[in-house]
Structure formats: C-alpha cells, structure tokens
C-alpha cells in the first residue's frame, strides 16, 4: 500500500482507493478486535474528505469502546460489593438491562394490584366473596400480595441503584442505606463500617430489608437468639456459600461450635450502635432497641479469669529473637519482634512506620506511632504517641538502619519467598496482615509454640508485666503503652505536655523481655 495524504489511512490498488490503517489501542485489542493490533479496512473511496471522515469515526469508536471498558470495570466493582440477596436478584435477571425490565414489569404489576384487584384468585368459591369472613380473607391476601410486591420491587430497585442505574422509586430506607450515609460522614474507621455491613446483611437475611421505622425489639431479640447458633467457623467448604439463616440451620443440626460470647457481644453491639446514629442524623426519632439487654450465660469466676492472651516466657522471647535475627535486616520480620518486646508497640503500629517517623528529640532518638499520613491508622487517640528508642534497639543498629530509608516510604518491607516486597495497605488500611500470618506460622510450625493464646500480641502483654516488675512510673506506662490517662488521672490528664523523652527513655531502658520476672520482682 502506498503512503496516503490522510493520516490513519493508506492508498491501495491502481484506483488509488483509501484504506483505514489505524493502530488499535492495546486495551481494546483483545476485547473488541480479536487480538488484532491494526484496523485495516477498505473504504472503497478515493475521496480525501470521505477518508478523513472515516478516520474520525473510527477514532470515535475507539473512544466509545474505551468508555465501555471503564463502565464494565465500574459495574464489576459494584457487582462484587452487592449483598447476597441483591446479587441473587441480579443473577436471576442475567444483566442490568434485564433487571431494569424486570423492575418495570414488577412496578406495573404492583400498580394493577393497587388499582383493584389481585394477581391470584381471592374468592373461596366459584363467584365473588359473599360473607364478611370471606371478604376479610380476600382483603388480607390482597394486602399480603401487595406487601410481597413492595419488598420485591424494593430489592430490585436497590440492586439497580447499587449497579449505578438511575432508579427513583421505591425508596426503603433501611440499615444498608443508613450505613452508606454514615460512611459518607467519615465518623468511624473503615473496619467499623465493614462490621456494620456484615451484621446488617445477616440481619436482613434473617428479618428482611425493613425500613428503619419498622424495626422492633422483637426483631433484634429473635436475631440475637439465632446468632447464638451461628457456627464459629463460617469459611468452611460446607458453610462459606450459605446465607446467614442457612449457616444457623446447619450449625443447629450438626451441633457445630457456635460463635463465642465476646464475638456475639461485639456483633450485636455493632448493629445496636446504628440506632443512635440514625437518631442523630434525623432518620429516627427514637431507638427501638434501647431497652434490649444482651444476657450472657453465667460462668464460673475461675473461667472468667482465663486469659485470652498470654505473655511470652523468657525462653520463648529468646527463640523468637533468634528467629528474627535470621531474617533480612530491612524486613519487619527482623525488627518487628524487637520493637514489640522492648517498646510495647502493636503489630499494626510497627508495620506502618514511615522513614520520616524516626526522629531525634534533643539527644533522644524516638519513633512516632501515628496516623498523620493517609497510609496510617491507629486504634484510638492515645495510641498516637512519641516513643523513645530502647537502648537495646540502639545497640542493635536500629537508627543506622532507619536513617538509610527513604523518608516517605514505609520503614520496613515484607520478607517473602520471592525476596523483599514493599508494605501495601489493604482495603481497610491495614499493613500488618501478611507479617502477622508469617509470624504465627513460624511460631506454630518452626518454634513449636502451639498454644493459640501466644501470638505477636504476647510481646505487648510481656511488656506490661516487665513494666510492673521494674516499678515503672504509672504515667510513663500509660503514655508509652498508648493507653488513656483520663480513667486514672481524671481532669489532670489534660494538663501539661506529659513526660519528657529523656525521663521516658530512662524508664523504658529498664525493660528486659529476656529477664526472669519472678527473680526480678524478688530483687
């Protein structure tokens, strides 16, 4: 083909006819063009004007196809976030277009139902209802059909809205809609919103997608009774694809271990906490669940004192330190155990430290544990704190390592089978999940510490025991442990700037996680 005077075309044959010769954008090649890299079509014209028009149309088609890909990506993301009941409606319809048509058919059918009659036969005989009882039965069935249609149409409408469709009616403002509003206010952590959604989806599966104004204490009581039979492990092959109600039924039938009292308290407490938010945002005037009390079974006092977490023993600390020393000096696997044991830091706080968070205050090297950066989160306000670096960490070369790291990057990397990889926050903003999994796996399989009461958090429990053993100043303990001082000091906690770094470091350097605390306490 000869060179053309119209960009995006070539000249072909003795008649010198134009032919499209456009490179297809890589993102479109597989989806729309069967993997072809070039669009080469005969235009059948020798008109320069017609050729230019054809090139413009082809490029416009590329733009439309690119927009279609974006729309599909948004739809896929929206579909992934659909609750199970709405996803079932979508699966049944097969497409957004079919679901929209189904929605309008349902709306039309509802209009006929409201207008006068029923979609099923209401009379008890061959003719019209004749007695008062028959008429009342017919009306009751009619109302029941209407309510069923209302719920069906509402579910279809909500599914369509979740998929980005502009559907105005009907509107049933329930728990999901309330959670969406509260998420927009950004008043709680993403993890709290996720828990709200999880429990709300289970409640809706159990009681239906009710408007907030129809919620009663009976709904919450019956839901709580059912929740007590929810299996503790729902992600098994047998249960993972079942609804909440189905999981409860299987749990009852097979007598599976149910969720614990603490989990029950947290989950029921999460959904109850939505009601005050509904009042404060104007969606409710009173709390339908205010008088509900969650009773727990009576337990022996000895059982109550059983610890969920145990502090590491000196031998365990020594073994975990030896294991940490074998890992890459740039990894959280190497430094994480030391920061937790000597400085009492939580695993999430350690994994999200940035290079710029290691600073010097006077002569004291310190580490900021903070949520100041968008990539960081903290448990609560007292968790934001400036910690002096323990002398053992200084002796291990921590500051030399930290000063070599980029200020804006995470201080540590994850050590994997493929080498070091950067820290990456998940959807909830957590960076610690991969390291936590690796640490626990080594703890159980390599070091033989199989009691599940021992975890990475056992370092923090040990740190508290060490602080008690050395008689650490209470204010120092609270400040370095990231705990609230108000409960202990009252209004005095709000005064002053707290202990100075030099004094805190003197207290911290007394901590020795390898020491026999029984002997230390006696001395």
Protein backbone atom coordinates (compact mmCIF):
# COMPACT_ATOMS: atom_id res chain seq x y z
CA UNK A 1 0.00 0.00 0.00
CA UNK A 2 1.21 3.46 -0.88
CA UNK A 3 1.59 6.29 1.58
CA UNK A 4 -1.57 8.40 2.00
CA UNK A 5 -2.13 12.11 2.42
CA UNK A 6 -4.76 11.31 5.10
CA UNK A 7 -3.23 10.28 8.46
CA UNK A 8 -4.61 6.91 9.55
CA UNK A 9 -5.06 5.61 6.01
CA UNK A 10 -3.10 4.05 3.16
CA UNK A 11 -3.64 4.09 -0.63
CA UNK A 12 -4.38 0.73 -2.23
CA UNK A 13 -4.57 -0.57 -5.84
CA UNK A 14 -4.48 1.04 -9.25
CA UNK A 15 -7.66 3.00 -8.50
CA UNK A 16 -5.82 4.54 -5.51
CA UNK A 17 -8.64 3.91 -3.03
CA UNK A 18 -8.26 4.81 0.63
CA UNK A 19 -7.95 2.10 3.29
CA UNK A 20 -8.02 2.52 7.08
CA UNK A 21 -4.63 1.92 8.69
CA UNK A 22 -5.07 2.74 12.41
CA UNK A 23 -3.23 1.19 15.33
CA UNK A 24 -5.80 -0.18 17.80
CA UNK A 25 -5.23 0.92 21.43
CA UNK A 26 -3.75 -2.09 23.31
CA UNK A 27 -6.56 -2.08 25.91
CA UNK A 28 -9.13 -2.63 23.15
CA UNK A 29 -7.36 -5.23 21.06
CA UNK A 30 -8.47 -8.41 22.85
CA UNK A 31 -11.91 -7.24 23.93
CA UNK A 32 -13.20 -5.77 20.66
CA UNK A 33 -10.86 -6.80 17.84
CA UNK A 34 -9.94 -10.42 18.46
CA UNK A 35 -6.35 -9.56 19.39
CA UNK A 36 -5.61 -7.58 16.22
CA UNK A 37 -3.15 -4.68 16.55
CA UNK A 38 -4.20 -2.74 13.44
CA UNK A 39 -7.53 -1.68 11.98
CA UNK A 40 -7.15 -2.10 8.23
CA UNK A 41 -10.44 -1.87 6.33
CA UNK A 42 -11.06 -0.87 2.71
CA UNK A 43 -13.09 2.34 2.47
CA UNK A 44 -13.96 1.98 -1.24
CA UNK A 45 -13.46 5.67 -1.99
CA UNK A 46 -10.82 7.91 -3.50
CA UNK A 47 -12.30 10.98 -1.78
CA UNK A 48 -9.96 12.59 0.70
CA UNK A 49 -12.93 14.11 2.54
CA UNK A 50 -14.64 10.72 2.89
CA UNK A 51 -11.38 9.15 4.10
CA UNK A 52 -10.89 11.83 6.77
CA UNK A 53 -14.49 11.28 7.89
CA UNK A 54 -13.93 7.52 8.17
CA UNK A 55 -10.78 8.04 10.29
CA UNK A 56 -12.68 10.38 12.60
CA UNK A 57 -15.49 7.83 13.00
CA UNK A 58 -13.03 5.02 13.70
CA UNK A 59 -11.27 7.07 16.40
CA UNK A 60 -14.64 7.99 17.89
CA UNK A 61 -15.40 4.26 18.03
CA UNK A 62 -12.13 3.71 19.92
CA UNK A 63 -13.20 6.35 22.46
CA UNK A 64 -16.63 4.77 22.91
CA UNK A 65 -15.08 1.33 23.37
CA UNK A 66 -12.65 2.69 25.96
CA UNK A 67 -15.58 4.23 27.84
CA UNK A 68 -17.41 0.92 27.63
CA UNK A 69 -14.43 -0.82 29.26
CA UNK A 70 -14.46 1.74 32.06
CA UNK A 71 -18.20 1.25 32.53
CA UNK A 72 -17.73 -2.51 32.71
CA UNK A 73 -14.98 -2.13 35.31
CA UNK A 74 -17.22 0.10 37.46
CA UNK A 75 -20.10 -2.36 37.05
CA UNK A 76 -17.86 -5.29 38.02
CA UNK A 77 -16.71 -3.46 41.13
CA UNK A 78 -20.30 -2.59 42.03
CA UNK A 79 -21.38 -6.19 41.42
CA UNK A 80 -18.65 -7.51 43.72
CA UNK A 81 -19.97 -5.30 46.52
CA UNK A 82 -23.62 -6.36 46.15
CA UNK A 83 -25.08 -8.08 49.24
CA UNK A 84 -26.01 -11.71 48.66
CA UNK A 85 -29.77 -11.10 48.36
CA UNK A 86 -29.31 -8.37 45.74
CA UNK A 87 -26.73 -10.45 43.88
CA UNK A 88 -29.25 -13.30 43.70
CA UNK A 89 -31.74 -10.93 42.03
CA UNK A 90 -29.08 -9.84 39.52
CA UNK A 91 -28.06 -13.45 38.79
CA UNK A 92 -31.68 -14.37 38.17
CA UNK A 93 -32.13 -11.47 35.74
CA UNK A 94 -28.82 -12.11 33.98
CA UNK A 95 -27.95 -8.49 33.13
CA UNK A 96 -28.57 -4.90 34.17
CA UNK A 97 -30.82 -4.43 31.16
CA UNK A 98 -32.92 -7.47 32.05
CA UNK A 99 -33.08 -6.43 35.70
CA UNK A 100 -34.30 -2.97 34.73
CA UNK A 101 -37.02 -4.52 32.53
CA UNK A 102 -37.97 -6.84 35.38
CA UNK A 103 -38.19 -3.88 37.73
CA UNK A 104 -40.56 -2.02 35.46
CA UNK A 105 -42.70 -5.14 34.99
CA UNK A 106 -42.91 -5.53 38.76
CA UNK A 107 -43.84 -1.85 39.16
CA UNK A 108 -46.59 -2.20 36.54
CA UNK A 109 -47.94 -5.34 38.16
CA UNK A 110 -47.98 -3.58 41.52
CA UNK A 111 -49.96 -0.71 40.02
CA UNK A 112 -52.63 -3.15 38.80
CA UNK A 113 -52.66 -4.81 42.21
CA UNK A 114 -53.20 -1.49 43.99
CA UNK A 115 -55.80 -0.41 41.45
CA UNK A 116 -58.18 -3.17 42.08
CA UNK A 117 -57.53 -6.45 42.30
CA UNK A 118 -55.28 -9.33 42.92
CA UNK A 119 -52.93 -11.44 40.91
CA UNK A 120 -54.38 -14.60 42.45
CA UNK A 121 -57.94 -15.72 42.93
CA UNK A 122 -59.32 -14.36 46.20
CA UNK A 123 -62.75 -15.87 46.33
CA UNK A 124 -63.45 -19.04 48.28
CA UNK A 125 -65.82 -20.47 45.71
CA UNK A 126 -66.76 -20.01 42.11
CA UNK A 127 -68.03 -16.47 42.48
CA UNK A 128 -67.20 -13.30 44.37
CA UNK A 129 -66.61 -13.36 48.18
CA UNK A 130 -70.01 -13.22 49.80
CA UNK A 131 -69.63 -13.36 53.56
CA UNK A 132 -67.81 -10.90 55.83
CA UNK A 133 -65.25 -13.55 56.69
CA UNK A 134 -64.61 -14.34 53.03
CA UNK A 135 -64.18 -10.65 52.22
CA UNK A 136 -61.76 -10.17 55.11
CA UNK A 137 -59.75 -13.19 53.96
CA UNK A 138 -59.64 -11.83 50.40
CA UNK A 139 -58.54 -8.40 51.62
CA UNK A 140 -55.88 -9.98 53.82
CA UNK A 141 -54.48 -11.92 50.87
CA UNK A 142 -54.56 -8.78 48.77
CA UNK A 143 -52.59 -6.86 51.39
CA UNK A 144 -50.15 -9.74 51.66
CA UNK A 145 -49.59 -9.75 47.91
CA UNK A 146 -49.11 -6.01 47.93
CA UNK A 147 -46.51 -6.21 50.73
CA UNK A 148 -44.71 -9.02 48.88
CA UNK A 149 -44.60 -6.90 45.73
CA UNK A 150 -43.36 -3.90 47.67
CA UNK A 151 -40.47 -5.94 49.05
CA UNK A 152 -39.68 -7.46 45.67
CA UNK A 153 -39.70 -4.15 43.81
CA UNK A 154 -37.66 -2.50 46.57
CA UNK A 155 -34.97 -5.21 46.31
CA UNK A 156 -34.83 -4.82 42.54
CA UNK A 157 -34.59 -1.05 42.85
CA UNK A 158 -31.80 -1.25 45.42
CA UNK A 159 -29.83 -3.70 43.29
CA UNK A 160 -30.16 -1.43 40.27
CA UNK A 161 -29.02 1.62 42.27
CA UNK A 162 -26.03 -0.30 43.61
CA UNK A 163 -25.09 -1.06 39.99
CA UNK A 164 -25.22 2.63 39.08
CA UNK A 165 -28.68 2.75 37.50
CA UNK A 166 -30.85 5.83 38.00
CA UNK A 167 -33.93 4.31 39.63
CA UNK A 168 -36.01 6.72 41.70
CA UNK A 169 -38.73 4.56 43.22
CA UNK A 170 -39.46 2.93 45.53
CA UNK A 171 -37.23 4.03 48.40
CA UNK A 172 -36.99 1.90 51.51
CA UNK A 173 -34.51 3.50 53.88
CA UNK A 174 -33.14 0.64 55.93
CA UNK A 175 -29.92 -0.44 57.58
CA UNK A 176 -27.88 -0.56 54.38
CA UNK A 177 -28.90 2.95 53.36
CA UNK A 178 -28.13 4.25 56.86
CA UNK A 179 -24.66 2.67 56.77
CA UNK A 180 -23.99 4.26 53.37
CA UNK A 181 -24.92 7.68 54.80
CA UNK A 182 -22.73 7.21 57.88
CA UNK A 183 -19.80 6.04 55.76
CA UNK A 184 -20.04 9.32 53.85
CA UNK A 185 -19.74 11.27 57.09
CA UNK A 186 -16.40 9.50 57.77
CA UNK A 187 -17.03 9.36 61.52
CA UNK A 188 -15.70 5.84 62.17
CA UNK A 189 -12.91 3.62 60.90
CA UNK A 190 -13.43 1.58 57.72
CA UNK A 191 -13.25 -1.58 59.81
CA UNK A 192 -16.25 -0.45 61.85
CA UNK A 193 -18.23 0.20 58.67
CA UNK A 194 -17.30 -3.27 57.40
CA UNK A 195 -18.58 -4.82 60.63
CA UNK A 196 -21.81 -2.82 60.38
CA UNK A 197 -22.32 -4.09 56.84
CA UNK A 198 -21.56 -7.71 57.72
CA UNK A 199 -24.00 -7.82 60.64
CA UNK A 200 -26.64 -5.76 58.79
CA UNK A 201 -26.51 -8.19 55.84
CA UNK A 202 -27.06 -11.07 58.25
CA UNK A 203 -29.93 -9.22 59.94
CA UNK A 204 -31.54 -8.53 56.55
CA UNK A 205 -31.18 -12.18 55.56
CA UNK A 206 -32.91 -13.13 58.81
CA UNK A 207 -35.61 -10.45 59.19
CA UNK A 208 -35.86 -8.85 55.75
CA UNK A 209 -34.76 -5.48 54.38
CA UNK A 210 -37.04 -3.49 56.67
CA UNK A 211 -37.38 0.29 56.81
CA UNK A 212 -35.77 1.71 59.95
CA UNK A 213 -39.17 2.85 61.23
CA UNK A 214 -40.48 -0.74 61.19
CA UNK A 215 -37.69 -2.20 63.33
CA UNK A 216 -38.83 -3.55 66.70
CA UNK A 217 -37.19 -5.07 69.73
CA UNK A 218 -38.71 -8.42 68.68
CA UNK A 219 -36.58 -8.36 65.52
CA UNK A 220 -33.36 -7.84 67.47
CA UNK A 221 -34.25 -10.41 70.13
CA UNK A 222 -35.03 -13.14 67.59
CA UNK A 223 -31.95 -12.24 65.54
CA UNK A 224 -29.75 -12.49 68.65
CA UNK A 225 -31.22 -15.90 69.52
CA UNK A 226 -30.40 -17.10 66.00
CA UNK A 227 -26.91 -15.55 66.18
CA UNK A 228 -26.07 -17.70 69.19
CA UNK A 229 -26.23 -20.73 66.86
CA UNK A 230 -24.03 -19.24 64.11
CA UNK A 231 -21.00 -21.55 63.67
CA UNK A 232 -17.75 -20.00 64.86
CA UNK A 233 -16.07 -21.01 61.57
CA UNK A 234 -18.18 -19.92 58.61
CA UNK A 235 -15.49 -20.14 55.93
CA UNK A 236 -15.51 -23.92 55.66
CA UNK A 237 -16.34 -25.66 52.37
CA UNK A 238 -19.66 -26.69 53.87
CA UNK A 239 -20.72 -23.21 55.02
CA UNK A 240 -18.96 -20.50 53.03
CA UNK A 241 -21.58 -20.18 50.27
CA UNK A 242 -24.60 -20.36 52.56
CA UNK A 243 -26.69 -17.45 53.81
CA UNK A 244 -26.75 -16.50 57.48
CA UNK A 245 -30.04 -18.32 58.06
CA UNK A 246 -28.74 -21.43 56.31
CA UNK A 247 -25.50 -21.37 58.32
CA UNK A 248 -27.51 -21.15 61.53
CA UNK A 249 -29.68 -24.08 60.47
CA UNK A 250 -26.63 -26.23 59.65
CA UNK A 251 -24.98 -25.18 62.91
CA UNK A 252 -28.01 -26.29 64.91
CA UNK A 253 -28.48 -29.55 63.02
CA UNK A 254 -24.82 -30.60 63.26
CA UNK A 255 -24.21 -29.05 66.69
CA UNK A 256 -21.23 -27.07 65.41
CA UNK A 257 -19.27 -24.88 67.82
CA UNK A 258 -21.07 -21.51 67.85
CA UNK A 259 -19.54 -18.04 67.94
CA UNK A 260 -18.18 -17.05 71.34
CA UNK A 261 -19.84 -14.70 73.78
CA UNK A 262 -17.34 -11.92 73.02
CA UNK A 263 -17.99 -12.17 69.27
CA UNK A 264 -21.73 -12.17 69.89
CA UNK A 265 -21.43 -9.11 72.11
CA UNK A 266 -19.35 -7.24 69.53
CA UNK A 267 -21.60 -8.06 66.58
CA UNK A 268 -24.93 -7.37 68.27
CA UNK A 269 -23.39 -4.26 69.80
CA UNK A 270 -22.35 -3.11 66.32
CA UNK A 271 -25.87 -3.24 64.90
CA UNK A 272 -27.35 -1.67 68.03
CA UNK A 273 -24.90 1.22 67.72
CA UNK A 274 -26.52 2.17 64.42
CA UNK A 275 -29.73 3.32 66.10
CA UNK A 276 -28.26 6.34 67.99
CA UNK A 277 -26.58 7.35 64.71
CA UNK A 278 -29.96 7.10 62.96
CA UNK A 279 -31.43 9.45 65.57
CA UNK A 280 -28.56 11.93 65.44
CA UNK A 281 -28.80 12.10 61.63
CA UNK A 282 -32.58 12.54 61.67
CA UNK A 283 -33.70 9.19 60.24
CA UNK A 284 -35.31 8.05 63.50
CA UNK A 285 -36.85 9.91 66.44
CA UNK A 286 -36.45 7.11 68.98
CA UNK A 287 -34.34 3.98 69.42
CA UNK A 288 -36.46 0.81 69.01
CA UNK A 289 -33.74 -1.26 70.66
CA UNK A 290 -32.93 0.94 73.65
CA UNK A 291 -34.43 -1.49 76.19
CA UNK A 292 -32.76 -4.59 74.77
CA UNK A 293 -30.31 -6.34 77.09
CA UNK A 294 -27.89 -8.96 75.85
CA UNK A 295 -27.63 -11.59 78.55
CA UNK A 296 -24.61 -13.88 78.76
CA UNK A 297 -24.62 -17.29 80.34
CA UNK A 298 -23.35 -17.49 83.88
CA UNK A 299 -19.75 -18.60 84.14
CA UNK A 300 -17.53 -19.72 86.99
CA UNK A 301 -15.26 -16.99 88.32
CA UNK A 302 -12.26 -19.21 87.55
CA UNK A 303 -13.43 -19.41 83.92
CA UNK A 304 -13.78 -15.63 83.74
CA UNK A 305 -10.14 -15.19 84.76
CA UNK A 306 -8.86 -17.45 81.98
CA UNK A 307 -6.66 -15.29 79.79
CA UNK A 308 -7.25 -14.92 76.07
CA UNK A 309 -3.60 -13.94 75.53
CA UNK A 310 -0.54 -15.00 77.49
CA UNK A 311 2.79 -13.14 77.72
CA UNK A 312 5.79 -14.90 76.22
CA UNK A 313 8.19 -16.60 78.60
CA UNK A 314 11.89 -15.59 78.55
CA UNK A 315 12.67 -18.80 76.67
CA UNK A 316 10.04 -18.02 74.03
CA UNK A 317 11.38 -14.49 73.65
CA UNK A 318 14.91 -15.79 73.16
CA UNK A 319 13.72 -18.24 70.49
CA UNK A 320 11.69 -15.62 68.61
CA UNK A 321 14.61 -13.17 68.77
CA UNK A 322 16.95 -15.82 67.33
CA UNK A 323 14.44 -16.41 64.55
CA UNK A 324 14.12 -12.68 63.85
CA UNK A 325 17.91 -12.29 63.63
CA UNK A 326 17.97 -14.75 60.73
CA UNK A 327 15.72 -12.52 58.58
CA UNK A 328 16.69 -9.71 56.24
CA UNK A 329 17.80 -6.59 58.20
CA UNK A 330 15.47 -4.45 56.07
CA UNK A 331 12.38 -6.52 56.89
CA UNK A 332 9.67 -6.19 59.51
CA UNK A 333 10.35 -9.88 60.19
CA UNK A 334 13.75 -8.80 61.57
CA UNK A 335 12.80 -5.68 63.54
CA UNK A 336 9.14 -6.26 64.43
CA UNK A 337 9.66 -8.61 67.41
CA UNK A 338 12.26 -6.28 68.96
CA UNK A 339 10.04 -3.19 68.67
CA UNK A 340 7.14 -5.07 70.25
CA UNK A 341 9.14 -6.67 73.07
CA UNK A 342 11.30 -3.69 74.07
CA UNK A 343 8.92 -0.83 73.29
CA UNK A 344 5.42 -2.32 73.65
CA UNK A 345 4.30 -1.34 70.14
CA UNK A 346 1.36 -3.07 68.49
CA UNK A 347 1.88 -5.03 65.26
CA UNK A 348 -0.21 -2.59 63.20
CA UNK A 349 1.72 0.38 64.57
CA UNK A 350 5.06 -1.24 63.71
CA UNK A 351 4.22 -2.19 60.13
CA UNK A 352 3.06 1.31 59.16
CA UNK A 353 6.03 3.32 60.49
CA UNK A 354 7.41 5.63 57.80
CA UNK A 355 11.04 6.63 57.37
CA UNK A 356 10.23 10.18 58.50
CA UNK A 357 8.70 8.89 61.75
CA UNK A 358 12.14 8.14 63.25
CA UNK A 359 13.31 11.45 64.67
CA UNK A 360 15.61 12.91 67.30
CA UNK A 361 14.24 14.96 70.20
CA UNK A 362 17.18 16.65 71.85
CA UNK A 363 19.62 13.81 72.37
CA UNK A 364 16.94 11.11 72.38
CA UNK A 365 16.09 9.07 69.31
CA UNK A 366 12.34 8.48 69.05
CA UNK A 367 9.71 6.82 66.88
CA UNK A 368 6.37 8.43 66.09
CA UNK A 369 3.47 5.97 66.21
CA UNK A 370 0.82 8.00 64.44
CA UNK A 371 -1.95 8.14 61.85
CA UNK A 372 -0.87 11.52 60.44
CA UNK A 373 -0.24 10.08 56.98
CA UNK A 374 -3.14 8.85 54.80
CA UNK A 375 -1.49 5.42 54.75
CA UNK A 376 -1.61 5.09 58.54
CA UNK A 377 -4.31 4.24 61.08
CA UNK A 378 -4.35 3.97 64.88
CA UNK A 379 -6.58 2.19 67.36
CA UNK A 380 -7.57 5.39 69.20
CA UNK A 381 -6.30 8.85 70.15
CA UNK A 382 -3.97 7.70 73.00
CA UNK A 383 -2.31 5.32 70.52
CA UNK A 384 -0.75 8.34 68.80
CA UNK A 385 2.48 8.75 70.77
CA UNK A 386 6.18 9.50 70.58
CA UNK A 387 8.25 6.61 71.89
CA UNK A 388 11.91 6.81 72.87
CA UNK A 389 14.01 4.09 71.26
CA UNK A 390 15.10 1.44 73.78
CA UNK A 391 18.86 1.16 74.32
CA UNK A 392 18.80 -2.45 73.13
CA UNK A 393 17.39 -1.24 69.80
CA UNK A 394 20.11 1.41 69.53
CA UNK A 395 22.77 -1.22 70.22
CA UNK A 396 21.24 -3.44 67.52
CA UNK A 397 21.77 -0.69 64.92
CA UNK A 398 18.15 0.40 64.51
CA UNK A 399 18.94 4.09 63.99
CA UNK A 400 21.65 3.39 61.44
CA UNK A 401 19.15 1.26 59.52
CA UNK A 402 16.33 3.81 59.80
CA UNK A 403 18.44 6.75 58.58
CA UNK A 404 19.19 4.88 55.34
CA UNK A 405 15.50 4.50 54.47
CA UNK A 406 13.51 6.97 52.30
CA UNK A 407 11.54 9.44 54.42
CA UNK A 408 8.22 8.94 52.59
CA UNK A 409 8.33 5.15 52.33
CA UNK A 410 7.34 2.56 54.90
CA UNK A 411 10.33 1.88 57.13
CA UNK A 412 10.14 -1.91 56.76
CA UNK A 413 9.48 -4.36 53.96
CA UNK A 414 7.85 -7.79 53.96
CA UNK A 415 10.19 -10.74 53.58
CA UNK A 416 8.70 -13.33 51.22
CA UNK A 417 9.88 -16.39 49.30
CA UNK A 418 10.48 -14.07 46.33
CA UNK A 419 12.52 -11.61 48.39
CA UNK A 420 11.69 -8.26 49.97
CA UNK A 421 8.44 -6.60 48.86
CA UNK A 422 7.05 -3.20 49.91
CA UNK A 423 4.31 -2.83 52.50
CA UNK A 424 0.90 -2.34 50.88
CA UNK A 425 -2.20 -1.33 52.88
CA UNK A 426 -5.30 -3.45 52.28
CA UNK A 427 -8.80 -2.04 51.74
CA UNK A 428 -9.14 -1.37 55.46
CA UNK A 429 -5.80 0.45 55.61
CA UNK A 430 -4.03 -2.39 57.42
CA UNK A 431 -0.44 -3.25 56.51
CA UNK A 432 0.21 -5.94 59.14
CA UNK A 433 -1.85 -8.91 57.86
CA UNK A 434 0.90 -10.59 55.76
CA UNK A 435 3.52 -10.27 58.53
CA UNK A 436 1.07 -11.47 61.19
CA UNK A 437 0.38 -14.60 59.15
CA UNK A 438 4.08 -15.33 58.64
CA UNK A 439 4.90 -14.75 62.30
CA UNK A 440 2.14 -17.05 63.58
CA UNK A 441 3.11 -19.75 61.08
CA UNK A 442 6.72 -19.68 62.28
CA UNK A 443 5.55 -19.58 65.90
CA UNK A 444 3.49 -22.76 65.50
CA UNK A 445 5.49 -24.81 62.99
CA UNK A 446 9.09 -23.72 63.45
CA UNK A 447 9.25 -22.82 67.14
CA UNK A 448 6.65 -25.32 68.34
CA UNK A 449 4.57 -22.77 70.31
CA UNK A 450 1.17 -24.29 69.52
CA UNK A 451 -0.97 -22.75 72.29
CA UNK A 452 -3.07 -20.17 70.42
CA UNK A 453 -3.04 -17.85 73.43
CA UNK A 454 0.50 -16.98 72.32
CA UNK A 455 0.56 -14.54 69.38
CA UNK A 456 2.53 -11.46 68.38
CA UNK A 457 0.43 -9.53 70.92
CA UNK A 458 2.05 -11.66 73.64
CA UNK A 459 5.04 -9.29 73.41
CA UNK A 460 2.81 -6.41 74.49
CA UNK A 461 1.44 -8.44 77.41
CA UNK A 462 5.02 -9.24 78.42
CA UNK A 463 5.99 -5.56 78.13
CA UNK A 464 3.26 -4.67 80.64
CA UNK A 465 4.48 -7.37 83.03
CA UNK A 466 8.05 -6.06 82.69
CA UNK A 467 6.86 -2.51 83.41
CA UNK A 468 5.13 -3.73 86.57
CA UNK A 469 8.16 -5.76 87.65
CA UNK A 470 10.55 -2.80 87.41
CA UNK A 471 8.07 -0.44 89.12
CA UNK A 472 7.63 1.84 86.10
CA UNK A 473 6.03 5.22 86.79
CA UNK A 474 2.28 4.86 86.05
CA UNK A 475 2.16 7.94 83.83
CA UNK A 476 5.16 6.67 81.88
CA UNK A 477 3.47 3.30 81.49
CA UNK A 478 0.24 4.80 80.14
CA UNK A 479 1.98 7.20 77.78
CA UNK A 480 4.37 4.66 76.28
CA UNK A 481 1.73 1.93 76.19
CA UNK A 482 -0.63 4.17 74.26
CA UNK A 483 -3.41 3.99 76.85
CA UNK A 484 -5.78 6.67 78.06
CA UNK A 485 -4.73 8.58 81.18
CA UNK A 486 -8.18 10.07 81.84
CA UNK A 487 -9.55 7.00 83.62
CA UNK A 488 -6.61 7.07 86.08
CA UNK A 489 -5.79 10.76 86.40
CA UNK A 490 -9.18 12.35 85.69
CA UNK A 491 -9.05 16.01 84.67
CA UNK A 492 -5.31 16.17 85.48
CA UNK A 493 -4.64 14.12 82.34
CA UNK A 494 -5.44 17.15 80.16
CA UNK A 495 -2.77 19.35 81.75
CA UNK A 496 0.82 19.71 80.60
CA UNK A 497 2.65 18.02 77.74
CA UNK A 498 3.37 14.77 79.51
CA UNK A 499 6.65 13.19 80.47
CA UNK A 500 9.83 14.30 78.70
CA UNK A 501 11.64 11.96 76.34
CA UNK A 502 14.75 11.67 78.48
CA UNK A 503 12.69 10.59 81.50
CA UNK A 504 10.65 8.16 79.41
CA UNK A 505 13.80 6.61 77.99
CA UNK A 506 15.22 6.09 81.49
CA UNK A 507 12.04 4.18 82.40
CA UNK A 508 11.94 2.26 79.11
CA UNK A 509 15.57 1.12 79.25
CA UNK A 510 14.75 -0.85 82.44
CA UNK A 511 12.50 -3.15 80.38
CA UNK A 512 14.20 -6.51 79.70
CA UNK A 513 11.91 -9.03 77.98
CA UNK A 514 14.54 -11.78 78.39
CA UNK A 515 14.66 -11.45 82.18
CA UNK A 516 13.11 -13.88 84.63
CA UNK A 517 10.43 -11.60 86.08
CA UNK A 518 9.94 -13.78 89.15
CA UNK A 519 13.57 -13.21 90.12
CA UNK A 520 13.43 -9.54 89.11
CA UNK A 521 10.34 -8.96 91.25
CA UNK A 522 12.00 -10.53 94.30
CA UNK A 523 15.09 -8.39 93.94
